Amino acid sequence: MNKALFIDRDGVLNQDKGYTHKISDLKLLDGVLEGLQRFQSLDYKIIIITNQSGIARGLFKIKDFHDFMTKMIQIFNNNKITINDYFFCPHHIDGVVKEYSISCDCRKPEAGMIFQAQEKYGFDLSKSVLIGDKESDILAGIKANIPLNIRITKNILLKDSLASYTTKDLIQAAEIIKKII
């Protein structure tokens, strides 16, 4: 079975400092390493999907984004966590970098990054999970017909989310999935 954990980056894996792109700002959130290890033990392929409108806004370059991701993945590898791939959307309609200042189908809440990963790896989306910290993440999962969409939030009693579940961290999310599958 080829199932994926589609996971947002900023605010889920690392501290979101607003347009986070500097390696010096890379700080993993509590529970991330243990949570990802638990998902990996459940045979999920881990795919990071992340909006990066700072590229379109001219705040940083694609190279800066890839450098950040390389460092993050190195940290995960050092902790026996395999990130199978990552997909990003550099677009934003209000950007200042012309080639990225477009409306697209990859920017969450659209599901384009999920479909790109599905096409590349043949994931069974009906067996996959999406985890994000914003409603736009959850909406992308719903548009891709992913049945389990989990929102990481400090307010786990959040009532207005379309998420299947709300949790405080990745450890709790992995425990929910372990009980379901």
N, C-alpha and C. Protein backbone atom coordinates (compact mmCIF):
# COMPACT_ATOMS: atom_id res chain seq x y z
N MET A 1 0.85 -1.19 0.00
CA MET A 1 0.00 0.00 0.00
C MET A 1 0.89 1.24 0.00
N ASN A 2 0.59 2.14 -0.88
CA ASN A 2 1.41 3.34 -1.05
C ASN A 2 0.65 4.53 -0.48
N LYS A 3 0.80 4.75 0.81
CA LYS A 3 0.07 5.84 1.47
C LYS A 3 1.04 6.92 1.91
N ALA A 4 0.53 8.14 1.92
CA ALA A 4 1.39 9.28 2.24
C ALA A 4 0.85 10.06 3.43
N LEU A 5 1.80 10.66 4.14
CA LEU A 5 1.49 11.70 5.10
C LEU A 5 1.88 13.00 4.42
N PHE A 6 0.88 13.77 4.02
CA PHE A 6 1.12 15.10 3.45
C PHE A 6 1.13 16.07 4.62
N ILE A 7 2.24 16.78 4.76
CA ILE A 7 2.38 17.61 5.94
C ILE A 7 2.88 19.00 5.57
N ASP A 8 2.23 19.99 6.14
CA ASP A 8 2.63 21.37 5.96
C ASP A 8 3.94 21.60 6.71
N ARG A 9 4.66 22.65 6.35
CA ARG A 9 5.96 22.90 6.98
C ARG A 9 5.85 23.92 8.12
N ASP A 10 5.70 25.19 7.77
CA ASP A 10 5.75 26.28 8.76
C ASP A 10 4.55 26.22 9.70
N GLY A 11 4.83 26.14 10.99
CA GLY A 11 3.77 26.06 11.98
C GLY A 11 3.39 24.63 12.34
N VAL A 12 3.91 23.66 11.59
CA VAL A 12 3.65 22.25 11.88
C VAL A 12 4.96 21.53 12.19
N LEU A 13 5.95 21.72 11.33
CA LEU A 13 7.26 21.11 11.56
C LEU A 13 8.22 22.07 12.26
N ASN A 14 8.20 23.32 11.85
CA ASN A 14 9.11 24.32 12.39
C ASN A 14 8.35 25.56 12.83
N GLN A 15 9.00 26.35 13.66
CA GLN A 15 8.40 27.62 14.08
C GLN A 15 8.14 28.48 12.85
N ASP A 16 6.97 29.07 12.79
CA ASP A 16 6.61 29.96 11.69
C ASP A 16 6.95 31.38 12.11
N LYS A 17 8.00 31.91 11.53
CA LYS A 17 8.44 33.27 11.85
C LYS A 17 7.95 34.27 10.81
N GLY A 18 7.06 33.83 9.93
CA GLY A 18 6.60 34.69 8.85
C GLY A 18 7.62 34.70 7.73
N TYR A 19 7.28 34.05 6.63
CA TYR A 19 8.19 33.92 5.48
C TYR A 19 9.52 33.29 5.92
N THR A 20 9.43 32.26 6.70
CA THR A 20 10.61 31.58 7.25
C THR A 20 11.44 31.00 6.12
N HIS A 21 12.71 31.44 6.05
CA HIS A 21 13.59 30.94 4.99
C HIS A 21 15.06 30.91 5.39
N LYS A 22 15.41 31.55 6.48
CA LYS A 22 16.81 31.58 6.91
C LYS A 22 17.11 30.34 7.74
N ILE A 23 18.23 29.68 7.42
CA ILE A 23 18.62 28.50 8.17
C ILE A 23 18.75 28.83 9.66
N SER A 24 19.19 30.04 9.97
CA SER A 24 19.33 30.44 11.37
C SER A 24 17.98 30.49 12.10
N ASP A 25 16.88 30.55 11.35
CA ASP A 25 15.54 30.56 11.95
C ASP A 25 14.91 29.17 12.04
N LEU A 26 15.65 28.14 11.63
CA LEU A 26 15.11 26.79 11.63
C LEU A 26 15.09 26.23 13.05
N LYS A 27 13.90 26.13 13.60
CA LYS A 27 13.71 25.53 14.92
C LYS A 27 12.50 24.60 14.84
N LEU A 28 12.76 23.31 14.99
CA LEU A 28 11.67 22.34 14.97
C LEU A 28 10.78 22.51 16.18
N LEU A 29 9.50 22.26 16.00
CA LEU A 29 8.55 22.35 17.09
C LEU A 29 8.64 21.12 17.98
N ASP A 30 8.20 21.25 19.20
CA ASP A 30 8.20 20.11 20.14
C ASP A 30 7.36 18.97 19.57
N GLY A 31 7.87 17.77 19.70
CA GLY A 31 7.13 16.58 19.28
C GLY A 31 7.28 16.21 17.83
N VAL A 32 7.93 17.04 17.04
CA VAL A 32 8.02 16.78 15.59
C VAL A 32 8.81 15.51 15.30
N LEU A 33 9.98 15.37 15.90
CA LEU A 33 10.81 14.20 15.59
C LEU A 33 10.10 12.92 16.01
N GLU A 34 9.59 12.88 17.22
CA GLU A 34 8.89 11.69 17.70
C GLU A 34 7.63 11.41 16.88
N GLY A 35 6.89 12.46 16.56
CA GLY A 35 5.67 12.29 15.77
C GLY A 35 5.96 11.73 14.39
N LEU A 36 6.97 12.28 13.71
CA LEU A 36 7.32 11.77 12.38
C LEU A 36 7.84 10.34 12.44
N GLN A 37 8.60 10.02 13.49
CA GLN A 37 9.06 8.64 13.65
C GLN A 37 7.89 7.69 13.80
N ARG A 38 6.87 8.11 14.51
CA ARG A 38 5.67 7.28 14.69
C ARG A 38 4.94 7.09 13.36
N PHE A 39 4.79 8.15 12.58
CA PHE A 39 4.14 8.01 11.28
C PHE A 39 4.95 7.10 10.37
N GLN A 40 6.25 7.25 10.40
CA GLN A 40 7.12 6.41 9.58
C GLN A 40 6.96 4.94 9.98
N SER A 41 6.83 4.66 11.27
CA SER A 41 6.66 3.28 11.73
C SER A 41 5.31 2.70 11.29
N LEU A 42 4.37 3.56 10.93
CA LEU A 42 3.07 3.13 10.42
C LEU A 42 3.08 3.01 8.89
N ASP A 43 4.27 3.07 8.30
CA ASP A 43 4.49 2.89 6.86
C ASP A 43 3.95 4.01 5.99
N TYR A 44 3.91 5.23 6.52
CA TYR A 44 3.55 6.38 5.70
C TYR A 44 4.80 6.94 5.04
N LYS A 45 4.69 7.29 3.76
CA LYS A 45 5.73 8.06 3.09
C LYS A 45 5.47 9.52 3.47
N ILE A 46 6.51 10.24 3.84
CA ILE A 46 6.34 11.60 4.33
C ILE A 46 6.65 12.60 3.22
N ILE A 47 5.64 13.40 2.89
CA ILE A 47 5.73 14.41 1.84
C ILE A 47 5.39 15.77 2.44
N ILE A 48 6.32 16.69 2.36
CA ILE A 48 6.07 18.05 2.83
C ILE A 48 5.45 18.84 1.68
N ILE A 49 4.35 19.53 1.97
CA ILE A 49 3.72 20.43 0.99
C ILE A 49 3.61 21.80 1.65
N THR A 50 4.15 22.81 0.97
CA THR A 50 4.24 24.11 1.63
C THR A 50 4.06 25.28 0.65
N ASN A 51 3.20 26.22 1.03
CA ASN A 51 3.09 27.48 0.30
C ASN A 51 4.29 28.34 0.67
N GLN A 52 4.92 28.94 -0.31
CA GLN A 52 6.07 29.80 -0.08
C GLN A 52 5.93 31.08 -0.89
N SER A 53 4.91 31.87 -0.54
CA SER A 53 4.63 33.10 -1.28
C SER A 53 5.72 34.14 -1.13
N GLY A 54 6.60 33.98 -0.16
CA GLY A 54 7.73 34.90 0.00
C GLY A 54 8.60 34.96 -1.25
N ILE A 55 8.58 33.89 -2.03
CA ILE A 55 9.34 33.88 -3.29
C ILE A 55 8.70 34.85 -4.27
N ALA A 56 7.39 34.75 -4.45
CA ALA A 56 6.67 35.66 -5.36
C ALA A 56 6.73 37.10 -4.86
N ARG A 57 6.77 37.26 -3.57
CA ARG A 57 6.79 38.60 -2.96
C ARG A 57 8.19 39.22 -2.99
N GLY A 58 9.19 38.45 -3.45
CA GLY A 58 10.55 38.96 -3.56
C GLY A 58 11.29 39.01 -2.24
N LEU A 59 10.81 38.31 -1.24
CA LEU A 59 11.42 38.33 0.09
C LEU A 59 12.62 37.37 0.20
N PHE A 60 12.61 36.34 -0.62
CA PHE A 60 13.73 35.41 -0.68
C PHE A 60 13.67 34.67 -2.01
N LYS A 61 14.75 34.00 -2.33
CA LYS A 61 14.89 33.29 -3.61
C LYS A 61 14.59 31.80 -3.44
N ILE A 62 14.33 31.14 -4.54
CA ILE A 62 14.10 29.69 -4.51
C ILE A 62 15.30 28.97 -3.91
N LYS A 63 16.51 29.44 -4.21
CA LYS A 63 17.71 28.82 -3.64
C LYS A 63 17.67 28.88 -2.12
N ASP A 64 17.23 29.99 -1.55
CA ASP A 64 17.12 30.11 -0.09
C ASP A 64 16.16 29.05 0.46
N PHE A 65 15.05 28.86 -0.24
CA PHE A 65 14.07 27.86 0.17
C PHE A 65 14.70 26.46 0.15
N HIS A 66 15.37 26.12 -0.96
CA HIS A 66 15.98 24.79 -1.07
C HIS A 66 17.08 24.59 -0.03
N ASP A 67 17.86 25.63 0.25
CA ASP A 67 18.90 25.53 1.28
C ASP A 67 18.28 25.23 2.65
N PHE A 68 17.17 25.90 2.96
CA PHE A 68 16.45 25.68 4.21
C PHE A 68 15.96 24.23 4.27
N MET A 69 15.37 23.77 3.17
CA MET A 69 14.84 22.40 3.13
C MET A 69 15.96 21.38 3.26
N THR A 70 17.09 21.63 2.63
CA THR A 70 18.23 20.71 2.73
C THR A 70 18.67 20.55 4.18
N LYS A 71 18.76 21.67 4.90
CA LYS A 71 19.15 21.63 6.31
C LYS A 71 18.09 20.90 7.14
N MET A 72 16.82 21.18 6.89
CA MET A 72 15.74 20.52 7.63
C MET A 72 15.79 19.01 7.40
N ILE A 73 15.93 18.61 6.16
CA ILE A 73 15.95 17.18 5.83
C ILE A 73 17.18 16.51 6.45
N GLN A 74 18.28 17.22 6.50
CA GLN A 74 19.48 16.69 7.15
C GLN A 74 19.21 16.40 8.63
N ILE A 75 18.52 17.31 9.30
CA ILE A 75 18.15 17.09 10.71
C ILE A 75 17.27 15.85 10.83
N PHE A 76 16.29 15.73 9.94
CA PHE A 76 15.41 14.56 9.98
C PHE A 76 16.21 13.28 9.72
N ASN A 77 17.07 13.29 8.71
CA ASN A 77 17.89 12.12 8.41
C ASN A 77 18.74 11.72 9.61
N ASN A 78 19.30 12.71 10.30
CA ASN A 78 20.12 12.43 11.49
C ASN A 78 19.31 11.79 12.61
N ASN A 79 17.99 11.90 12.53
CA ASN A 79 17.10 11.30 13.52
C ASN A 79 16.31 10.12 12.95
N LYS A 80 16.86 9.54 11.89
CA LYS A 80 16.30 8.33 11.26
C LYS A 80 14.88 8.55 10.72
N ILE A 81 14.65 9.74 10.20
CA ILE A 81 13.36 10.06 9.57
C ILE A 81 13.63 10.34 8.10
N THR A 82 12.90 9.66 7.25
CA THR A 82 13.04 9.86 5.81
C THR A 82 11.93 10.77 5.32
N ILE A 83 12.32 11.90 4.76
CA ILE A 83 11.37 12.75 4.05
C ILE A 83 11.45 12.30 2.60
N ASN A 84 10.37 11.74 2.09
CA ASN A 84 10.41 11.16 0.75
C ASN A 84 10.48 12.21 -0.34
N ASP A 85 9.90 13.38 -0.08
CA ASP A 85 9.96 14.46 -1.06
C ASP A 85 9.30 15.69 -0.45
N TYR A 86 9.46 16.80 -1.15
CA TYR A 86 8.72 18.00 -0.76
C TYR A 86 8.29 18.72 -2.03
N PHE A 87 7.15 19.36 -1.91
CA PHE A 87 6.57 20.15 -3.00
C PHE A 87 6.26 21.52 -2.43
N PHE A 88 6.46 22.55 -3.26
CA PHE A 88 6.21 23.89 -2.77
C PHE A 88 5.56 24.72 -3.87
N CYS A 89 4.81 25.71 -3.41
CA CYS A 89 4.19 26.67 -4.31
C CYS A 89 4.85 28.02 -4.09
N PRO A 90 5.56 28.54 -5.11
CA PRO A 90 6.20 29.84 -4.99
C PRO A 90 5.31 31.01 -5.41
N HIS A 91 4.07 30.71 -5.75
CA HIS A 91 3.18 31.70 -6.38
C HIS A 91 2.37 32.52 -5.38
N HIS A 92 2.04 33.71 -5.82
CA HIS A 92 1.03 34.52 -5.13
C HIS A 92 0.59 35.61 -6.10
N ILE A 93 -0.69 35.75 -6.25
CA ILE A 93 -1.26 36.70 -7.22
C ILE A 93 -0.80 38.13 -6.96
N ASP A 94 -0.49 38.47 -5.71
CA ASP A 94 -0.05 39.82 -5.36
C ASP A 94 1.47 39.95 -5.28
N GLY A 95 2.19 38.99 -5.86
CA GLY A 95 3.64 39.03 -5.81
C GLY A 95 4.23 40.14 -6.66
N VAL A 96 5.54 40.36 -6.48
CA VAL A 96 6.25 41.37 -7.25
C VAL A 96 7.23 40.74 -8.25
N VAL A 97 7.49 39.45 -8.11
CA VAL A 97 8.35 38.73 -9.05
C VAL A 97 7.43 38.18 -10.14
N LYS A 98 7.53 38.77 -11.31
CA LYS A 98 6.55 38.54 -12.37
C LYS A 98 6.26 37.07 -12.65
N GLU A 99 7.30 36.25 -12.78
CA GLU A 99 7.08 34.85 -13.16
C GLU A 99 6.32 34.06 -12.09
N TYR A 100 6.29 34.54 -10.85
CA TYR A 100 5.58 33.84 -9.78
C TYR A 100 4.31 34.54 -9.34
N SER A 101 4.03 35.69 -9.92
CA SER A 101 2.85 36.47 -9.54
C SER A 101 1.65 36.06 -10.37
N ILE A 102 1.20 34.83 -10.10
CA ILE A 102 0.10 34.26 -10.86
C ILE A 102 -0.87 33.55 -9.92
N SER A 103 -2.04 33.32 -10.44
CA SER A 103 -2.99 32.45 -9.77
C SER A 103 -2.66 31.03 -10.26
N CYS A 104 -2.67 30.05 -9.36
CA CYS A 104 -2.25 28.71 -9.74
C CYS A 104 -3.15 27.67 -9.07
N ASP A 105 -2.93 26.42 -9.42
CA ASP A 105 -3.69 25.34 -8.79
C ASP A 105 -2.85 24.58 -7.75
N CYS A 106 -1.65 25.10 -7.47
CA CYS A 106 -0.82 24.42 -6.47
C CYS A 106 -0.86 25.12 -5.11
N ARG A 107 -1.22 26.37 -5.07
CA ARG A 107 -1.25 27.09 -3.78
C ARG A 107 -2.44 26.62 -2.95
N LYS A 108 -2.13 26.10 -1.76
CA LYS A 108 -3.22 25.70 -0.87
C LYS A 108 -4.09 26.91 -0.56
N PRO A 109 -5.37 26.81 -0.63
CA PRO A 109 -6.21 25.63 -0.43
C PRO A 109 -6.45 24.75 -1.66
N GLU A 110 -5.82 25.04 -2.76
CA GLU A 110 -5.94 24.13 -3.91
C GLU A 110 -5.11 22.89 -3.63
N ALA A 111 -5.38 21.83 -4.35
CA ALA A 111 -4.76 20.52 -4.06
C ALA A 111 -3.65 20.15 -5.04
N GLY A 112 -3.16 21.11 -5.81
CA GLY A 112 -2.18 20.81 -6.85
C GLY A 112 -0.93 20.10 -6.38
N MET A 113 -0.37 20.50 -5.24
CA MET A 113 0.85 19.84 -4.75
C MET A 113 0.58 18.38 -4.39
N ILE A 114 -0.58 18.12 -3.83
CA ILE A 114 -0.96 16.75 -3.49
C ILE A 114 -1.08 15.92 -4.76
N PHE A 115 -1.73 16.48 -5.77
CA PHE A 115 -1.88 15.74 -7.03
C PHE A 115 -0.55 15.54 -7.74
N GLN A 116 0.37 16.51 -7.62
CA GLN A 116 1.72 16.34 -8.19
C GLN A 116 2.42 15.15 -7.54
N ALA A 117 2.32 15.06 -6.23
CA ALA A 117 2.95 13.96 -5.49
C ALA A 117 2.28 12.62 -5.84
N GLN A 118 0.97 12.64 -5.95
CA GLN A 118 0.25 11.42 -6.31
C GLN A 118 0.69 10.93 -7.69
N GLU A 119 0.80 11.85 -8.63
CA GLU A 119 1.22 11.48 -9.98
C GLU A 119 2.65 10.94 -9.98
N LYS A 120 3.52 11.55 -9.23
CA LYS A 120 4.93 11.13 -9.21
C LYS A 120 5.12 9.78 -8.52
N TYR A 121 4.38 9.52 -7.42
CA TYR A 121 4.61 8.33 -6.61
C TYR A 121 3.48 7.31 -6.60
N GLY A 122 2.35 7.65 -7.19
CA GLY A 122 1.23 6.71 -7.22
C GLY A 122 0.57 6.48 -5.87
N PHE A 123 0.53 7.51 -5.03
CA PHE A 123 -0.07 7.38 -3.71
C PHE A 123 -1.56 7.07 -3.80
N ASP A 124 -2.02 6.26 -2.88
CA ASP A 124 -3.45 6.01 -2.71
C ASP A 124 -3.96 7.08 -1.74
N LEU A 125 -4.60 8.10 -2.28
CA LEU A 125 -5.05 9.21 -1.44
C LEU A 125 -6.11 8.77 -0.44
N SER A 126 -6.85 7.71 -0.74
CA SER A 126 -7.88 7.23 0.19
C SER A 126 -7.27 6.61 1.45
N LYS A 127 -5.99 6.31 1.41
CA LYS A 127 -5.28 5.76 2.58
C LYS A 127 -4.32 6.78 3.20
N SER A 128 -4.30 7.98 2.65
CA SER A 128 -3.34 8.99 3.07
C SER A 128 -3.93 9.91 4.14
N VAL A 129 -3.05 10.72 4.72
CA VAL A 129 -3.40 11.66 5.78
C VAL A 129 -2.78 13.01 5.44
N LEU A 130 -3.48 14.08 5.78
CA LEU A 130 -2.91 15.42 5.64
C LEU A 130 -2.90 16.08 7.01
N ILE A 131 -1.79 16.75 7.32
CA ILE A 131 -1.69 17.49 8.57
C ILE A 131 -1.23 18.91 8.25
N GLY A 132 -1.96 19.88 8.79
CA GLY A 132 -1.60 21.28 8.61
C GLY A 132 -2.05 22.09 9.81
N ASP A 133 -1.66 23.35 9.81
CA ASP A 133 -2.04 24.23 10.93
C ASP A 133 -3.04 25.29 10.51
N LYS A 134 -3.34 25.36 9.23
CA LYS A 134 -4.29 26.38 8.74
C LYS A 134 -5.45 25.69 8.03
N GLU A 135 -6.54 26.39 7.98
CA GLU A 135 -7.71 25.83 7.29
C GLU A 135 -7.43 25.63 5.81
N SER A 136 -6.56 26.44 5.22
CA SER A 136 -6.21 26.25 3.80
C SER A 136 -5.54 24.89 3.58
N ASP A 137 -4.78 24.40 4.56
CA ASP A 137 -4.19 23.07 4.46
C ASP A 137 -5.30 22.01 4.44
N ILE A 138 -6.22 22.14 5.37
CA ILE A 138 -7.32 21.18 5.50
C ILE A 138 -8.16 21.17 4.22
N LEU A 139 -8.43 22.35 3.66
CA LEU A 139 -9.22 22.43 2.44
C LEU A 139 -8.51 21.74 1.27
N ALA A 140 -7.20 21.85 1.21
CA ALA A 140 -6.44 21.16 0.15
C ALA A 140 -6.62 19.65 0.28
N GLY A 141 -6.55 19.15 1.50
CA GLY A 141 -6.77 17.72 1.72
C GLY A 141 -8.17 17.28 1.32
N ILE A 142 -9.15 18.09 1.67
CA ILE A 142 -10.54 17.76 1.32
C ILE A 142 -10.71 17.77 -0.20
N LYS A 143 -10.13 18.77 -0.88
CA LYS A 143 -10.24 18.83 -2.35
C LYS A 143 -9.55 17.65 -3.02
N ALA A 144 -8.57 17.07 -2.35
CA ALA A 144 -7.88 15.90 -2.90
C ALA A 144 -8.55 14.59 -2.47
N ASN A 145 -9.67 14.69 -1.79
CA ASN A 145 -10.40 13.52 -1.28
C ASN A 145 -9.60 12.68 -0.31
N ILE A 146 -8.74 13.33 0.46
CA ILE A 146 -8.03 12.65 1.54
C ILE A 146 -9.02 12.56 2.71
N PRO A 147 -9.26 11.36 3.21
CA PRO A 147 -10.31 11.20 4.23
C PRO A 147 -9.94 11.70 5.62
N LEU A 148 -8.63 11.74 5.94
CA LEU A 148 -8.21 12.16 7.27
C LEU A 148 -7.36 13.41 7.18
N ASN A 149 -7.91 14.51 7.65
CA ASN A 149 -7.24 15.80 7.64
C ASN A 149 -7.18 16.30 9.07
N ILE A 150 -5.94 16.48 9.56
CA ILE A 150 -5.73 16.82 10.96
C ILE A 150 -5.14 18.22 11.05
N ARG A 151 -5.73 19.02 11.92
CA ARG A 151 -5.24 20.38 12.11
C ARG A 151 -4.50 20.47 13.44
N ILE A 152 -3.25 20.90 13.37
CA ILE A 152 -2.44 21.14 14.56
C ILE A 152 -2.75 22.56 15.03
N THR A 153 -3.19 22.67 16.27
CA THR A 153 -3.55 23.98 16.81
C THR A 153 -3.43 23.96 18.33
N LYS A 154 -3.12 25.10 18.88
CA LYS A 154 -3.08 25.21 20.35
C LYS A 154 -4.50 25.12 20.90
N ASN A 155 -5.49 25.48 20.09
CA ASN A 155 -6.89 25.44 20.50
C ASN A 155 -7.52 24.16 19.97
N ILE A 156 -7.30 23.03 20.65
CA ILE A 156 -7.79 21.75 20.13
C ILE A 156 -9.31 21.63 20.21
N LEU A 157 -9.97 22.58 20.85
CA LEU A 157 -11.43 22.58 20.89
C LEU A 157 -12.02 23.43 19.76
N LEU A 158 -11.19 23.80 18.81
CA LEU A 158 -11.60 24.61 17.67
C LEU A 158 -12.84 24.00 17.02
N LYS A 159 -13.88 24.81 16.89
CA LYS A 159 -15.16 24.30 16.40
C LYS A 159 -15.40 24.59 14.92
N ASP A 160 -14.74 25.59 14.36
CA ASP A 160 -15.08 26.01 13.00
C ASP A 160 -14.17 25.41 11.93
N SER A 161 -13.40 24.40 12.27
CA SER A 161 -12.51 23.77 11.30
C SER A 161 -13.22 22.62 10.60
N LEU A 162 -12.87 22.40 9.34
CA LEU A 162 -13.37 21.26 8.60
C LEU A 162 -12.50 20.02 8.80
N ALA A 163 -11.49 20.13 9.66
CA ALA A 163 -10.58 19.02 9.92
C ALA A 163 -11.32 17.83 10.53
N SER A 164 -10.84 16.63 10.22
CA SER A 164 -11.37 15.41 10.83
C SER A 164 -11.09 15.42 12.33
N TYR A 165 -9.90 15.90 12.68
CA TYR A 165 -9.46 15.98 14.08
C TYR A 165 -8.62 17.23 14.26
N THR A 166 -8.59 17.74 15.49
CA THR A 166 -7.63 18.78 15.85
C THR A 166 -6.77 18.22 16.98
N THR A 167 -5.47 18.51 16.91
CA THR A 167 -4.54 18.02 17.91
C THR A 167 -3.55 19.12 18.25
N LYS A 168 -2.82 18.90 19.33
CA LYS A 168 -1.84 19.91 19.75
C LYS A 168 -0.48 19.70 19.10
N ASP A 169 -0.19 18.45 18.65
CA ASP A 169 1.13 18.20 18.06
C ASP A 169 1.11 16.92 17.23
N LEU A 170 2.25 16.62 16.61
CA LEU A 170 2.35 15.45 15.74
C LEU A 170 2.30 14.13 16.50
N ILE A 171 2.75 14.13 17.74
CA ILE A 171 2.68 12.90 18.53
C ILE A 171 1.22 12.50 18.72
N GLN A 172 0.40 13.48 19.10
CA GLN A 172 -1.03 13.21 19.30
C GLN A 172 -1.69 12.80 17.98
N ALA A 173 -1.30 13.45 16.88
CA ALA A 173 -1.85 13.09 15.56
C ALA A 173 -1.52 11.65 15.21
N ALA A 174 -0.28 11.23 15.46
CA ALA A 174 0.12 9.85 15.16
C ALA A 174 -0.65 8.85 16.01
N GLU A 175 -0.92 9.21 17.26
CA GLU A 175 -1.68 8.32 18.12
C GLU A 175 -3.12 8.15 17.62
N ILE A 176 -3.71 9.23 17.12
CA ILE A 176 -5.06 9.14 16.55
C ILE A 176 -5.05 8.20 15.36
N ILE A 177 -4.09 8.38 14.46
CA ILE A 177 -4.04 7.54 13.26
C ILE A 177 -3.79 6.09 13.63
N LYS A 178 -2.93 5.85 14.59
CA LYS A 178 -2.61 4.47 15.02
C LYS A 178 -3.89 3.76 15.49
N LYS A 179 -4.78 4.48 16.16
CA LYS A 179 -6.03 3.89 16.65
C LYS A 179 -7.01 3.61 15.52
N ILE A 180 -6.92 4.41 14.45
CA ILE A 180 -7.88 4.29 13.35
C ILE A 180 -7.51 3.17 12.38
N ILE A 181 -6.22 3.07 12.07
CA ILE A 181 -5.83 2.09 11.03
C ILE A 181 -5.69 0.68 11.55
